[in-house]
C-alpha cells in the first residue's frame, strides 16, 4: 500500500469517527456526556483538517472550483423556495 492510499484510508476512517462523535453529541442524555462527545468531535475535526491539508499539499486531494453561474443558480433556487 502506498502513502496516498494510506492517507486516503486514514482520512476516511477519521471522517467516520467524526460522524460517530457527531451522533454521540446529538444523542447525549447528560451535559457531561454531551461535552465529552463534543470535545472529541472537535479534536477529530481538527485532525481531519490536518490530514486533508497534507493530502492537498501533495496533490492527492484536489477540488474543482465551482462555476459562478452554478452557484447563482443554486442561490436562486433556494431563494425562490424560501420566498
Protein backbone atom coordinates (compact mmCIF):
# COMPACT_ATOMS: atom_id res chain seq x y z
CA UNK A 1 0.00 0.00 0.00
CA UNK A 2 1.46 3.37 -0.99
CA UNK A 3 1.41 6.60 1.04
CA UNK A 4 -1.53 8.08 -0.90
CA UNK A 5 -3.69 5.02 -0.27
CA UNK A 6 -2.72 5.01 3.41
CA UNK A 7 -3.64 8.68 3.77
CA UNK A 8 -6.96 8.11 1.98
CA UNK A 9 -7.78 5.30 4.38
CA UNK A 10 -6.84 7.40 7.40
CA UNK A 11 -8.96 10.29 6.12
CA UNK A 12 -11.97 8.05 5.51
CA UNK A 13 -11.64 6.47 8.93
CA UNK A 14 -11.33 9.89 10.57
CA UNK A 15 -14.45 11.11 8.75
CA UNK A 16 -16.31 8.04 10.03
CA UNK A 17 -15.19 8.77 13.57
CA UNK A 18 -16.41 12.36 13.17
CA UNK A 19 -19.81 11.01 12.16
CA UNK A 20 -19.95 8.75 15.23
CA UNK A 21 -18.94 11.58 17.57
CA UNK A 22 -21.50 13.90 15.98
CA UNK A 23 -24.29 11.42 16.64
CA UNK A 24 -22.98 10.84 20.15
CA UNK A 25 -23.07 14.58 20.76
CA UNK A 26 -26.59 14.94 19.37
CA UNK A 27 -27.96 11.96 21.30
CA UNK A 28 -26.25 12.71 24.62
CA UNK A 29 -28.59 12.48 27.58
CA UNK A 30 -26.45 14.43 30.05
CA UNK A 31 -24.30 17.55 29.88
CA UNK A 32 -21.15 15.62 30.80
CA UNK A 33 -21.63 13.07 28.04
CA UNK A 34 -22.50 15.83 25.56
CA UNK A 35 -19.39 17.79 26.49
CA UNK A 36 -17.18 14.70 26.17
CA UNK A 37 -18.51 13.80 22.73
CA UNK A 38 -18.41 17.43 21.61
CA UNK A 39 -14.77 17.76 22.65
CA UNK A 40 -13.84 14.52 20.92
CA UNK A 41 -15.69 15.68 17.80
CA UNK A 42 -13.82 18.99 17.75
CA UNK A 43 -10.46 17.25 18.20
CA UNK A 44 -11.27 14.79 15.42
CA UNK A 45 -12.42 17.55 13.07
CA UNK A 46 -9.07 19.29 13.62
CA UNK A 47 -7.27 16.02 12.86
CA UNK A 48 -9.37 15.54 9.71
CA UNK A 49 -8.48 19.05 8.58
CA UNK A 50 -4.77 18.42 9.14
CA UNK A 51 -4.93 15.17 7.15
CA UNK A 52 -6.81 16.90 4.33
CA UNK A 53 -4.24 19.71 4.19
CA UNK A 54 -1.37 17.22 3.99
CA UNK A 55 -3.09 15.38 1.16
CA UNK A 56 -3.90 18.61 -0.66
CA UNK A 57 -0.26 19.77 -0.42
CA UNK A 58 0.84 16.54 -2.08
CA UNK A 59 -1.78 16.83 -4.82
CA UNK A 60 -3.63 13.75 -3.55
CA UNK A 61 -6.89 15.57 -2.80
CA UNK A 62 -7.93 18.04 -5.40
CA UNK A 63 -11.14 20.00 -5.66
CA UNK A 64 -12.70 21.79 -8.58
CA UNK A 65 -13.72 25.41 -8.30
CA UNK A 66 -17.48 25.83 -8.67
CA UNK A 67 -18.57 27.95 -11.60
CA UNK A 68 -20.19 31.22 -10.54
CA UNK A 69 -23.16 30.53 -12.82
CA UNK A 70 -23.92 27.27 -10.99
CA UNK A 71 -23.59 28.98 -7.61
CA UNK A 72 -26.03 31.66 -8.72
CA UNK A 73 -28.49 29.03 -9.98
CA UNK A 74 -28.47 27.25 -6.62
CA UNK A 75 -28.90 30.54 -4.74
CA UNK A 76 -31.83 31.45 -6.97
CA UNK A 77 -33.43 28.04 -6.50
CA UNK A 78 -33.30 28.21 -2.71
CA UNK A 79 -34.27 31.88 -2.58
CA UNK A 80 -37.37 31.08 -4.63
CA UNK A 81 -38.19 28.07 -2.42
CA UNK A 82 -38.00 30.15 0.77
CA UNK A 83 -39.74 33.23 -0.66
